[in-house]
Amino acid sequence: MRRRHKNDVDKQKHESRDSRKSDSDYSASFFSSEKRVFFFCLVFRMLNSLLVQTYFNPDEHWQGPEVAHRIAFGYGHLTWEWKRGIRSYLHPLLFVPLYRVLAFLHLDTPLVMRKAPRLLQSVFAAVGDLYSYKLSAVLFGDNVAKWALFSQLANWFMIYCSVRTLSNSLETVLTLVSLYFWPCMRSSSRSSTVSRKWGLVLAALACAIRPTSAIIWLYVGLLEFSKERYKLKLLFLEVAPIGMLVLGLTCLLDRIMYGTWILVPLNFLKFNFLSSGGDYYGTHKWHWYFTQGFPVMIFSFLPFCIAGIIYSKQWRYACLLAWVLGLYSVLGHKEFRFVLPVLPIALIFSGYCLAMIEDPGLRGYKGKESSKKRTNCSLKMVLAIIFLLATNIPMSLYMSLVHQRGPEDVMNHLAREARHGKVKNILFLTPCHATPYYSVLHRNLPMRFLDCTPSEERGVLDESDHFLMDPVSFLSEYAKNMSLPSHIVLFDSEEQKLKNLLNSYDYREERRFFNAHFKVDRELQASIVVYVHTRHVYKENRRE
């Protein structure tokens, strides 16, 4: 009996070990195939792009899809940046083939037109996820790479921002891919030389799309240059030729699109760095990225990131984080998206910490691990995952589905109405660029918004400022000089001041859309409202 009991216990232990081994083998099998990892990331990001239904930053629409829409369909608005030559056409041109294919297939409906650009960006984002995984595998091994990928996919800000059509989102992808090829694949072999050249090409493209990306590559370049044995060969036979080639091709592209020779990176840097032109859109304290901006982006992954930096001792990339946050802190105008390219680096360190919790041997644990220690580690792992998901999922859902969804909803409504011929012209009495424009409406109708082009003279108020200071006087003056539109769009904060005047001009509320629970920009913009002229409604009713 004792022998039978002992055999049963041994059998249970053996089955338990087999079960743990099979789970481990399954995980290892999945992550051993980069194709499977990419496919999983692609499906995740495509669903992610369909989830996002809110408005984050005007550049998401106005500097990418709006410009591409103008090229593809012949109408669309170019903001003042394009008139001053501080934007490259390299990024918007990515969306032009997409639009032309949709038009050729007669699929350019309002729903498809607003979803397709983000779906395209989701493909780029999935590439970024894959190379974040590959980069962390080169730095720390496959187990860390698994948790680094988890961190990237679970982080609320990556869910919220990576599938948006911002140039910063594409810059982030190019940064991750180029960091993988150079300097991570650095060695003396021919294959690594080719990899390094690919890395340099992608780094140059990132700088062409966002010239401020040079901040990252200045650090990486100086670090690698100090380690390089043949410094002059690297500089004159690789870095300089590749940089000049990409810059030349980008300038040629912009020459074709602008109609004149123009050096966009120089104009961009002059406006944002030398003249502090970005300060026109608001400034923050110098420490904002360290105390508010980046902590909000990385959110509950922050303590894991700090622990990962300390235990991994990978100071090269930790210093890269500090370098980027430090140099961007010099600028007065600060935004979350500016430092998006280094967020995945911080999440790789978070992945290291999670892998360390799963396997204490990662930080130098020696000896045979007891079952009690294994149980404690498993419990810590489960608690860590629950904590990260419980904090990031609600945040990503709220920001992607609820906060500031009004501008998207109002343009979707107007696009549907315009498709059925129910909109004649539109006036946007909102802060400038507060909603999408022709790229979502997709109808060549007269539209007007309040201008906010920066003045050459300091302290000069723009049209948007004049309206916000005295909405009643502004609209009264407008009505004297211009014909009133069929539809007016405004936030409820201004509606309260203009309601009586709008009624006197025979406007009535058509639709109201929720926007936000707390302040956006200067004030609470709880909802966004569409007013329609009663004469236009009467004509539509008679036509029906």
Protein backbone atom coordinates (compact mmCIF):
# COMPACT_ATOMS: atom_id res chain seq x y z
CA MET A 1 0.00 0.00 0.00
CA ARG A 2 2.78 2.39 0.91
CA ARG A 3 4.56 1.58 -2.35
CA ARG A 4 1.34 2.15 -4.35
CA HIS A 5 0.77 5.47 -2.57
CA LYS A 6 4.36 6.54 -3.32
CA ASN A 7 3.90 5.60 -7.00
CA ASP A 8 0.67 7.65 -7.18
CA VAL A 9 2.42 10.70 -5.68
CA ASP A 10 5.33 10.33 -8.13
CA LYS A 11 2.84 10.01 -10.99
CA GLN A 12 1.04 13.22 -9.93
CA LYS A 13 4.36 15.07 -9.69
CA HIS A 14 5.34 13.79 -13.13
CA GLU A 15 1.99 14.87 -14.63
CA SER A 16 2.34 18.28 -12.97
CA ARG A 17 5.82 18.71 -14.46
CA ASP A 18 4.53 17.60 -17.88
CA SER A 19 1.67 20.11 -17.63
CA ARG A 20 4.04 22.96 -16.77
CA LYS A 21 6.39 21.84 -19.53
CA SER A 22 3.60 21.69 -22.13
CA ASP A 23 2.42 25.22 -21.20
CA SER A 24 5.99 26.45 -21.45
CA ASP A 25 6.52 24.64 -24.75
CA TYR A 26 3.32 26.15 -26.19
CA SER A 27 4.42 29.66 -25.19
CA ALA A 28 7.91 29.06 -26.58
CA SER A 29 6.45 27.64 -29.80
CA PHE A 30 4.21 30.68 -30.33
CA PHE A 31 6.97 33.23 -29.72
CA SER A 32 9.53 31.28 -31.74
CA SER A 33 7.72 32.27 -34.94
CA GLU A 34 8.00 35.93 -35.84
CA LYS A 35 5.22 35.46 -38.40
CA ARG A 36 2.82 34.36 -35.66
CA VAL A 37 3.86 37.26 -33.45
CA PHE A 38 3.33 39.73 -36.31
CA PHE A 39 -0.04 38.25 -37.26
CA PHE A 40 -1.21 38.47 -33.64
CA CYS A 41 -0.02 42.10 -33.43
CA LEU A 42 -1.68 42.92 -36.76
CA VAL A 43 -5.06 41.55 -35.68
CA PHE A 44 -4.73 43.31 -32.32
CA ARG A 45 -3.88 46.68 -33.89
CA MET A 46 -6.60 46.44 -36.52
CA LEU A 47 -9.17 45.84 -33.79
CA ASN A 48 -7.46 48.64 -31.85
CA SER A 49 -7.95 51.02 -34.79
CA LEU A 50 -11.66 50.18 -34.95
CA LEU A 51 -11.93 50.77 -31.20
CA VAL A 52 -10.56 54.33 -31.35
CA GLN A 53 -13.45 56.74 -31.93
CA THR A 54 -12.20 59.93 -30.28
CA TYR A 55 -10.33 63.07 -31.29
CA PHE A 56 -6.84 63.54 -29.87
CA ASN A 57 -4.82 66.10 -31.83
CA PRO A 58 -5.60 68.14 -34.98
CA ASP A 59 -2.46 66.90 -36.76
CA GLU A 60 -3.99 63.42 -36.83
CA HIS A 61 -6.40 64.64 -39.52
CA TRP A 62 -5.10 67.96 -40.80
CA GLN A 63 -1.46 67.05 -41.50
CA GLY A 64 -1.99 63.58 -42.96
CA PRO A 65 -5.35 62.42 -44.37
CA GLU A 66 -6.54 65.99 -45.14
CA VAL A 67 -3.47 66.70 -47.29
CA ALA A 68 -3.71 63.25 -48.92
CA HIS A 69 -7.41 63.87 -49.66
CA ARG A 70 -6.51 67.08 -51.46
CA ILE A 71 -3.94 65.25 -53.60
CA ALA A 72 -6.22 62.27 -54.35
CA PHE A 73 -9.53 64.08 -54.90
CA GLY A 74 -8.53 67.64 -55.75
CA TYR A 75 -10.07 69.31 -52.70
CA GLY A 76 -9.01 69.58 -49.07
CA HIS A 77 -7.55 72.25 -46.82
CA LEU A 78 -3.84 72.99 -46.47
CA THR A 79 -3.03 74.63 -43.13
CA TRP A 80 -0.59 77.49 -42.74
CA GLU A 81 2.31 75.04 -42.16
CA TRP A 82 2.11 73.96 -45.80
CA LYS A 83 2.14 77.56 -46.99
CA ARG A 84 5.32 78.22 -45.01
CA GLY A 85 6.96 74.98 -46.11
CA ILE A 86 7.56 73.39 -42.71
CA ARG A 87 5.88 70.07 -43.53
CA SER A 88 7.09 67.31 -45.85
CA TYR A 89 4.70 65.54 -48.22
CA LEU A 90 6.40 62.23 -47.43
CA HIS A 91 3.91 61.24 -44.72
CA PRO A 92 0.61 62.34 -46.37
CA LEU A 93 1.54 60.59 -49.63
CA LEU A 94 1.27 57.23 -47.86
CA PHE A 95 -2.52 57.68 -47.75
CA VAL A 96 -2.95 58.79 -51.38
CA PRO A 97 -2.85 55.26 -52.93
CA LEU A 98 -5.34 54.10 -50.29
CA TYR A 99 -7.80 56.87 -51.20
CA ARG A 100 -7.43 56.26 -54.94
CA VAL A 101 -8.05 52.53 -54.57
CA LEU A 102 -11.16 53.22 -52.48
CA ALA A 103 -12.43 55.67 -55.10
CA PHE A 104 -11.69 53.22 -57.95
CA LEU A 105 -13.64 50.47 -56.16
CA HIS A 106 -16.44 52.93 -55.24
CA LEU A 107 -15.87 52.18 -51.57
CA ASP A 108 -15.26 55.80 -50.54
CA THR A 109 -18.29 55.98 -48.25
CA PRO A 110 -18.22 58.12 -45.06
CA LEU A 111 -17.69 55.02 -42.89
CA VAL A 112 -14.80 53.65 -44.96
CA MET A 113 -13.20 57.07 -45.46
CA ARG A 114 -12.86 57.62 -41.73
CA LYS A 115 -11.80 54.04 -40.85
CA ALA A 116 -9.40 53.22 -43.70
CA PRO A 117 -6.51 55.59 -42.79
CA ARG A 118 -6.37 54.25 -39.22
CA LEU A 119 -6.52 50.68 -40.51
CA LEU A 120 -3.51 51.45 -42.70
CA GLN A 121 -1.72 52.96 -39.71
CA SER A 122 -2.56 49.82 -37.72
CA VAL A 123 -0.40 47.83 -40.15
CA PHE A 124 2.52 50.16 -39.46
CA ALA A 125 1.83 49.95 -35.72
CA ALA A 126 1.94 46.13 -35.88
CA VAL A 127 5.36 46.37 -37.53
CA GLY A 128 6.44 48.59 -34.65
CA ASP A 129 5.16 46.02 -32.14
CA LEU A 130 7.07 43.23 -33.90
CA TYR A 131 10.33 45.17 -33.88
CA SER A 132 9.86 46.19 -30.28
CA TYR A 133 9.67 42.45 -29.56
CA LYS A 134 12.74 41.74 -31.71
CA LEU A 135 14.71 44.63 -30.21
CA SER A 136 14.06 43.46 -26.65
CA ALA A 137 14.96 39.88 -27.67
CA VAL A 138 18.36 41.09 -28.93
CA LEU A 139 18.94 43.15 -25.78
CA PHE A 140 17.66 40.77 -23.10
CA GLY A 141 16.49 37.45 -24.56
CA ASP A 142 13.22 35.85 -25.62
CA ASN A 143 11.59 35.75 -22.18
CA VAL A 144 11.99 39.50 -21.71
CA ALA A 145 10.81 40.05 -25.29
CA LYS A 146 7.55 38.26 -24.49
CA TRP A 147 6.80 40.58 -21.58
CA ALA A 148 8.02 43.66 -23.45
CA LEU A 149 5.45 42.87 -26.13
CA PHE A 150 2.78 42.44 -23.45
CA SER A 151 3.73 45.84 -22.02
CA GLN A 152 3.51 47.50 -25.43
CA LEU A 153 0.13 45.97 -26.24
CA ALA A 154 -1.34 46.63 -22.79
CA ASN A 155 -0.13 50.21 -22.31
CA TRP A 156 -3.11 52.58 -22.54
CA PHE A 157 -1.29 55.32 -24.45
CA MET A 158 0.01 52.93 -27.12
CA ILE A 159 -3.56 51.68 -27.58
CA TYR A 160 -4.83 55.26 -27.68
CA CYS A 161 -2.20 56.78 -29.96
CA SER A 162 -0.25 54.23 -32.03
CA VAL A 163 -3.05 53.65 -34.58
CA ARG A 164 -3.76 57.34 -35.10
CA THR A 165 -2.61 58.94 -38.34
CA LEU A 166 -0.04 61.19 -36.67
CA SER A 167 3.44 61.56 -38.12
CA ASN A 168 4.66 60.81 -34.57
CA SER A 169 3.07 57.34 -34.78
CA LEU A 170 4.98 56.51 -37.97
CA GLU A 171 8.13 58.10 -36.51
CA THR A 172 7.83 55.69 -33.56
CA VAL A 173 7.65 52.67 -35.88
CA LEU A 174 10.65 53.81 -37.93
CA THR A 175 12.61 54.47 -34.72
CA LEU A 176 11.98 50.96 -33.39
CA VAL A 177 12.87 49.26 -36.66
CA SER A 178 16.01 51.33 -37.17
CA LEU A 179 17.15 50.77 -33.57
CA TYR A 180 16.84 47.04 -34.18
CA PHE A 181 18.98 47.16 -37.33
CA TRP A 182 21.39 49.77 -35.96
CA PRO A 183 22.98 49.69 -33.45
CA CYS A 184 21.59 46.40 -32.05
CA MET A 185 22.73 44.25 -34.97
CA ARG A 186 26.20 45.81 -34.87
CA SER A 187 29.11 43.48 -35.57
CA SER A 188 31.91 43.07 -38.09
CA SER A 189 30.04 40.66 -40.37
CA ARG A 190 28.79 41.62 -43.82
CA SER A 191 25.16 40.87 -42.87
CA SER A 192 25.34 43.29 -39.98
CA THR A 193 26.84 45.96 -42.26
CA VAL A 194 23.79 45.65 -44.50
CA SER A 195 21.54 45.76 -41.42
CA ARG A 196 23.27 48.90 -40.22
CA LYS A 197 22.72 50.56 -43.59
CA TRP A 198 19.04 49.68 -43.44
CA GLY A 199 18.94 51.14 -39.94
CA LEU A 200 20.55 54.35 -41.18
CA VAL A 201 18.06 54.62 -44.06
CA LEU A 202 15.09 54.22 -41.70
CA ALA A 203 16.59 56.67 -39.21
CA ALA A 204 16.97 59.21 -42.02
CA LEU A 205 13.34 58.63 -43.06
CA ALA A 206 12.21 59.21 -39.46
CA CYS A 207 14.12 62.52 -39.49
CA ALA A 208 12.58 63.44 -42.86
CA ILE A 209 9.06 62.86 -41.52
CA ARG A 210 9.75 64.49 -38.12
CA PRO A 211 13.00 66.50 -38.10
CA THR A 212 12.96 66.49 -34.28
CA SER A 213 13.68 62.76 -34.53
CA ALA A 214 17.28 63.89 -35.04
CA ILE A 215 17.40 64.29 -31.24
CA ILE A 216 17.29 60.49 -30.90
CA TRP A 217 19.75 59.79 -33.68
CA LEU A 218 22.24 62.39 -32.50
CA TYR A 219 22.55 60.46 -29.24
CA VAL A 220 22.67 57.02 -30.91
CA GLY A 221 25.10 58.24 -33.56
CA LEU A 222 27.52 59.78 -31.07
CA LEU A 223 27.45 56.66 -28.92
CA GLU A 224 28.09 54.30 -31.81
CA PHE A 225 30.67 56.61 -33.38
CA SER A 226 32.68 56.51 -30.15
CA LYS A 227 32.75 52.68 -30.32
CA GLU A 228 33.48 52.41 -34.02
CA ARG A 229 37.00 51.39 -34.96
CA TYR A 230 36.90 52.89 -38.46
CA LYS A 231 35.27 56.23 -37.64
CA LEU A 232 36.00 58.05 -40.89
CA LYS A 233 34.73 55.09 -42.93
CA LEU A 234 31.46 55.04 -40.96
CA LEU A 235 31.00 58.79 -41.29
CA PHE A 236 31.95 59.35 -44.93
CA LEU A 237 31.03 56.01 -46.53
CA GLU A 238 27.80 55.22 -44.69
CA VAL A 239 26.21 57.97 -42.56
CA ALA A 240 26.85 60.95 -44.85
CA PRO A 241 25.94 59.26 -48.19
CA ILE A 242 22.76 57.67 -46.81
CA GLY A 243 21.70 60.89 -45.08
CA MET A 244 22.33 62.97 -48.19
CA LEU A 245 20.52 60.46 -50.41
CA VAL A 246 17.37 60.40 -48.26
CA LEU A 247 17.47 64.19 -47.80
CA GLY A 248 17.92 64.67 -51.56
CA LEU A 249 15.04 62.37 -52.48
CA THR A 250 12.79 64.02 -49.88
CA CYS A 251 13.68 67.47 -51.22
CA LEU A 252 12.94 66.29 -54.76
CA LEU A 253 9.56 64.98 -53.63
CA ASP A 254 8.75 68.28 -51.91
CA ARG A 255 9.98 70.18 -54.99
CA ILE A 256 7.43 68.30 -57.09
CA MET A 257 4.60 68.85 -54.60
CA TYR A 258 5.35 72.45 -53.57
CA GLY A 259 6.33 73.53 -57.08
CA THR A 260 9.55 75.12 -55.84
CA TRP A 261 12.75 74.04 -54.13
CA ILE A 262 12.29 74.05 -50.39
CA LEU A 263 14.27 72.58 -47.48
CA VAL A 264 11.53 71.42 -45.13
CA PRO A 265 13.74 70.16 -42.23
CA LEU A 266 15.51 73.53 -42.05
CA ASN A 267 12.22 75.47 -42.04
CA PHE A 268 10.78 73.10 -39.44
CA LEU A 269 13.75 73.48 -37.10
CA LYS A 270 13.89 77.26 -37.61
CA PHE A 271 10.23 77.64 -36.66
CA ASN A 272 10.19 75.25 -33.70
CA PHE A 273 13.68 75.72 -32.24
CA LEU A 274 15.22 78.99 -33.40
CA SER A 275 12.11 81.18 -33.34
CA SER A 276 10.09 79.29 -30.67
CA GLY A 277 7.13 79.38 -33.03
CA GLY A 278 5.58 76.41 -31.28
CA ASP A 279 5.12 78.54 -28.15
CA TYR A 280 2.22 80.18 -29.99
CA TYR A 281 0.16 77.09 -29.12
CA GLY A 282 0.94 77.22 -25.40
CA THR A 283 3.84 76.45 -23.10
CA HIS A 284 4.53 74.25 -20.08
CA LYS A 285 7.01 74.27 -17.24
CA TRP A 286 10.45 72.87 -18.12
CA HIS A 287 9.89 69.76 -15.96
CA TRP A 288 6.50 68.84 -17.48
CA TYR A 289 7.74 65.75 -19.36
CA PHE A 290 9.34 64.35 -16.20
CA THR A 291 6.58 65.18 -13.72
CA GLN A 292 3.41 64.91 -15.83
CA GLY A 293 3.77 64.15 -19.54
CA PHE A 294 5.75 60.93 -19.64
CA PRO A 295 4.41 59.51 -16.32
CA VAL A 296 0.87 59.86 -17.72
CA MET A 297 1.89 58.09 -20.93
CA ILE A 298 3.63 55.15 -19.27
CA PHE A 299 1.07 55.23 -16.43
CA SER A 300 1.06 52.19 -14.12
CA PHE A 301 4.05 50.68 -15.97
CA LEU A 302 6.28 53.39 -14.46
CA PRO A 303 7.47 51.48 -11.33
CA PHE A 304 8.14 48.41 -13.49
CA CYS A 305 10.13 50.54 -15.92
CA ILE A 306 12.27 52.03 -13.14
CA ALA A 307 12.90 48.58 -11.63
CA GLY A 308 13.78 47.22 -15.07
CA ILE A 309 16.32 50.00 -15.64
CA ILE A 310 17.95 49.41 -12.25
CA TYR A 311 18.18 45.62 -12.50
CA SER A 312 19.01 45.34 -16.21
CA LYS A 313 21.80 47.95 -16.00
CA GLN A 314 21.21 48.73 -19.69
CA TRP A 315 22.27 52.34 -19.16
CA ARG A 316 22.67 53.10 -22.85
CA TYR A 317 18.92 53.01 -23.46
CA ALA A 318 18.07 54.43 -20.05
CA CYS A 319 20.23 57.44 -20.92
CA LEU A 320 18.46 57.67 -24.28
CA LEU A 321 15.18 58.16 -22.40
CA ALA A 322 16.71 60.87 -20.22
CA TRP A 323 18.38 62.52 -23.23
CA VAL A 324 15.15 62.78 -25.24
CA LEU A 325 13.01 63.96 -22.31
CA GLY A 326 15.71 66.44 -21.30
CA LEU A 327 16.15 68.04 -24.74
CA TYR A 328 12.41 68.24 -25.39
CA SER A 329 12.08 69.93 -21.98
CA VAL A 330 14.10 72.87 -23.33
CA LEU A 331 11.24 73.70 -25.72
CA GLY A 332 8.42 75.79 -24.31
CA HIS A 333 5.64 74.04 -26.27
CA LYS A 334 5.22 70.44 -25.10
CA GLU A 335 2.87 67.64 -26.11
CA PHE A 336 2.52 63.98 -25.18
CA ARG A 337 2.98 62.79 -28.75
CA PHE A 338 6.40 64.45 -29.15
CA VAL A 339 8.06 61.83 -26.92
CA LEU A 340 6.02 58.87 -28.21
CA PRO A 341 9.06 57.31 -30.00
CA VAL A 342 10.80 56.54 -26.69
CA LEU A 343 7.73 55.15 -24.91
CA PRO A 344 8.33 51.62 -26.33
CA ILE A 345 11.92 51.80 -24.99
CA ALA A 346 10.55 52.44 -21.50
CA LEU A 347 8.06 49.59 -21.95
CA ILE A 348 10.92 47.22 -22.84
CA PHE A 349 12.35 47.93 -19.38
CA SER A 350 8.90 47.19 -17.95
CA GLY A 351 9.04 43.87 -19.77
CA TYR A 352 12.41 43.15 -18.16
CA CYS A 353 10.92 43.73 -14.70
CA LEU A 354 7.96 41.43 -15.45
CA ALA A 355 10.32 38.72 -16.72
CA MET A 356 12.34 39.18 -13.56
CA ILE A 357 9.23 38.60 -11.44
CA GLU A 358 8.46 35.46 -13.42
CA ASP A 359 12.05 34.21 -13.19
CA PRO A 360 14.12 35.59 -10.28
CA GLY A 361 17.20 34.03 -11.88
CA LEU A 362 17.14 36.87 -14.38
CA ARG A 363 18.60 39.23 -11.78
CA GLY A 364 21.30 36.82 -10.67
CA TYR A 365 19.40 34.31 -8.51
CA LYS A 366 21.58 31.28 -7.84
CA GLY A 367 20.75 27.82 -6.56
CA LYS A 368 17.80 25.50 -6.69
CA GLU A 369 14.50 27.32 -6.42
CA SER A 370 12.12 25.95 -3.81
CA SER A 371 8.45 25.29 -4.56
CA LYS A 372 7.50 27.97 -2.02
CA LYS A 373 9.57 30.58 -3.86
CA ARG A 374 8.06 29.45 -7.17
CA THR A 375 4.57 29.85 -5.73
CA ASN A 376 5.39 33.32 -4.39
CA CYS A 377 6.77 34.36 -7.80
CA SER A 378 3.66 33.02 -9.55
CA LEU A 379 1.43 34.96 -7.17
CA LYS A 380 3.45 38.14 -7.72
CA MET A 381 3.23 37.61 -11.48
CA VAL A 382 -0.55 37.20 -11.39
CA LEU A 383 -0.97 40.27 -9.17
CA ALA A 384 1.31 42.34 -11.42
CA ILE A 385 -0.63 41.40 -14.56
CA ILE A 386 -4.00 42.03 -12.88
CA PHE A 387 -2.77 45.42 -11.64
CA LEU A 388 -1.49 46.48 -15.07
CA LEU A 389 -4.59 45.33 -16.96
CA ALA A 390 -7.00 46.73 -14.34
CA THR A 391 -5.40 50.18 -14.64
CA ASN A 392 -4.66 50.35 -18.37
CA ILE A 393 -7.75 48.76 -19.92
CA PRO A 394 -10.31 51.14 -18.34
CA MET A 395 -8.07 54.11 -19.18
CA SER A 396 -7.65 53.06 -22.82
CA LEU A 397 -11.38 52.37 -23.20
CA TYR A 398 -12.39 55.70 -21.71
CA MET A 399 -9.90 57.72 -23.77
CA SER A 400 -10.57 55.79 -26.98
CA LEU A 401 -14.37 55.62 -26.75
CA VAL A 402 -15.57 58.46 -24.54
CA HIS A 403 -13.28 61.46 -23.97
CA GLN A 404 -13.43 64.04 -26.78
CA ARG A 405 -15.49 61.96 -29.20
CA GLY A 406 -17.72 64.90 -30.18
CA PRO A 407 -15.62 66.17 -33.14
CA GLU A 408 -15.57 62.70 -34.71
CA ASP A 409 -19.30 62.15 -34.17
CA VAL A 410 -20.32 65.54 -35.53
CA MET A 411 -18.30 65.10 -38.74
CA ASN A 412 -19.63 61.57 -39.20
CA HIS A 413 -23.16 62.99 -38.93
CA LEU A 414 -22.46 65.82 -41.37
CA ALA A 415 -20.81 63.38 -43.80
CA ARG A 416 -23.92 61.20 -43.84
CA GLU A 417 -26.18 64.24 -44.27
CA ALA A 418 -23.98 65.63 -47.05
CA ARG A 419 -24.04 62.27 -48.84
CA HIS A 420 -27.83 62.58 -49.03
CA GLY A 421 -27.66 66.21 -50.19
CA LYS A 422 -28.88 67.70 -46.92
CA VAL A 423 -25.92 70.04 -46.33
CA LYS A 424 -25.23 73.16 -48.40
CA ASN A 425 -22.35 74.82 -46.50
CA ILE A 426 -20.91 74.76 -42.97
CA LEU A 427 -19.44 77.29 -40.55
CA PHE A 428 -17.35 75.97 -37.66
CA LEU A 429 -17.49 78.38 -34.70
CA THR A 430 -15.01 76.32 -32.70
CA PRO A 431 -11.32 76.74 -31.87
CA CYS A 432 -9.52 76.21 -35.18
CA HIS A 433 -8.88 72.63 -36.33
CA ALA A 434 -11.15 71.31 -33.55
CA THR A 435 -12.82 68.79 -35.88
CA PRO A 436 -11.80 66.71 -38.91
CA TYR A 437 -12.51 68.34 -42.26
CA TYR A 438 -12.83 67.29 -45.92
CA SER A 439 -11.04 63.97 -45.38
CA VAL A 440 -14.07 62.82 -43.36
CA LEU A 441 -16.87 64.88 -44.96
CA HIS A 442 -15.71 63.72 -48.43
CA ARG A 443 -17.94 66.23 -50.22
CA ASN A 444 -16.68 69.34 -52.00
CA LEU A 445 -18.94 71.75 -50.12
CA PRO A 446 -18.07 75.28 -48.95
CA MET A 447 -16.82 75.12 -45.37
CA ARG A 448 -15.18 77.71 -43.16
CA PHE A 449 -13.45 77.57 -39.78
CA LEU A 450 -11.89 80.21 -37.55
CA ASP A 451 -8.34 80.97 -38.64
CA CYS A 452 -5.46 80.68 -36.18
CA THR A 453 -2.41 81.26 -38.38
CA PRO A 454 0.46 82.49 -36.17
CA SER A 455 1.22 86.17 -36.70
CA GLU A 456 4.70 87.45 -37.42
CA GLU A 457 4.16 89.95 -34.60
CA ARG A 458 3.98 88.80 -30.99
CA GLY A 459 0.77 89.42 -29.06
CA VAL A 460 -1.47 89.72 -32.12
CA LEU A 461 -4.76 87.84 -31.62
CA ASP A 462 -5.98 85.51 -34.34
CA GLU A 463 -9.57 85.10 -35.57
CA SER A 464 -10.21 82.20 -33.19
CA ASP A 465 -9.11 84.32 -30.21
CA HIS A 466 -11.36 87.20 -31.30
CA PHE A 467 -14.35 84.87 -31.47
CA LEU A 468 -13.72 83.35 -28.03
CA MET A 469 -13.36 86.82 -26.48
CA ASP A 470 -16.72 88.07 -27.81
CA PRO A 471 -18.75 85.45 -29.74
CA VAL A 472 -21.86 87.66 -30.14
CA SER A 473 -20.02 90.57 -31.75
CA PHE A 474 -18.03 88.24 -33.96
CA LEU A 475 -21.11 86.42 -35.35
CA SER A 476 -23.05 89.67 -35.76
CA GLU A 477 -20.21 91.14 -37.82
CA TYR A 478 -19.95 87.94 -39.82
CA ALA A 479 -23.68 87.98 -40.64
CA LYS A 480 -23.36 91.55 -41.99
CA ASN A 481 -20.52 90.71 -44.38
CA MET A 482 -21.14 87.07 -45.34
CA SER A 483 -24.14 84.95 -46.27
CA LEU A 484 -25.19 82.66 -43.45
CA PRO A 485 -24.50 78.93 -43.95
CA SER A 486 -26.99 76.08 -43.83
CA HIS A 487 -25.20 74.54 -40.80
CA ILE A 488 -23.24 75.96 -37.88
CA VAL A 489 -21.10 73.81 -35.57
CA LEU A 490 -20.06 75.03 -32.11
CA PHE A 491 -19.33 73.83 -28.59
CA ASP A 492 -21.94 74.22 -25.86
CA SER A 493 -19.68 76.67 -23.98
CA GLU A 494 -20.13 79.18 -26.83
CA GLU A 495 -23.68 78.09 -27.61
CA GLN A 496 -24.89 79.53 -24.29
CA LYS A 497 -23.67 82.97 -25.37
CA LEU A 498 -24.96 82.72 -28.94
CA LYS A 499 -28.29 80.92 -28.50
CA ASN A 500 -30.50 84.01 -28.65
CA LEU A 501 -28.62 85.41 -31.63
CA LEU A 502 -28.84 82.10 -33.49
CA ASN A 503 -32.58 81.96 -32.86
CA SER A 504 -32.92 85.50 -34.21
CA TYR A 505 -31.18 84.34 -37.42
CA ASP A 506 -33.70 81.45 -37.72
CA TYR A 507 -31.36 78.67 -36.67
CA ARG A 508 -32.49 75.73 -34.60
CA GLU A 509 -30.62 72.89 -32.96
CA GLU A 510 -30.38 69.83 -35.19
CA ARG A 511 -28.12 67.43 -33.23
CA ARG A 512 -26.09 67.48 -30.04
CA PHE A 513 -23.15 65.16 -29.40
CA PHE A 514 -21.39 64.39 -26.14
CA ASN A 515 -17.73 65.45 -26.04
CA ALA A 516 -16.06 65.43 -22.62
CA HIS A 517 -16.59 65.18 -18.86
CA PHE A 518 -13.71 67.53 -18.00
CA LYS A 519 -11.78 70.46 -19.47
CA VAL A 520 -10.45 70.29 -23.01
CA ASP A 521 -7.90 72.95 -23.90
CA ARG A 522 -9.20 76.15 -22.26
CA GLU A 523 -12.59 75.20 -20.85
CA LEU A 524 -15.12 72.42 -20.42
CA GLN A 525 -16.52 71.50 -23.82
CA ALA A 526 -19.15 69.06 -22.63
CA SER A 527 -20.91 68.74 -25.96
CA ILE A 528 -20.73 69.89 -29.57
CA VAL A 529 -23.88 71.13 -31.30
CA VAL A 530 -25.06 71.36 -34.90
CA TYR A 531 -27.45 74.20 -35.74
CA VAL A 532 -29.34 74.21 -39.05
CA HIS A 533 -31.04 77.17 -40.76
CA THR A 534 -34.82 76.71 -40.81
CA ARG A 535 -35.03 78.00 -44.40
CA HIS A 536 -32.71 75.19 -45.48
CA VAL A 537 -34.85 72.64 -43.61
CA TYR A 538 -37.99 74.02 -45.27
CA LYS A 539 -36.43 73.61 -48.74
CA GLU A 540 -35.39 70.06 -47.97
CA ASN A 541 -38.89 69.18 -46.75
CA ARG A 542 -40.47 70.61 -49.91
CA ARG A 543 -38.01 68.67 -52.06
CA GLU A 544 -38.97 65.45 -50.28
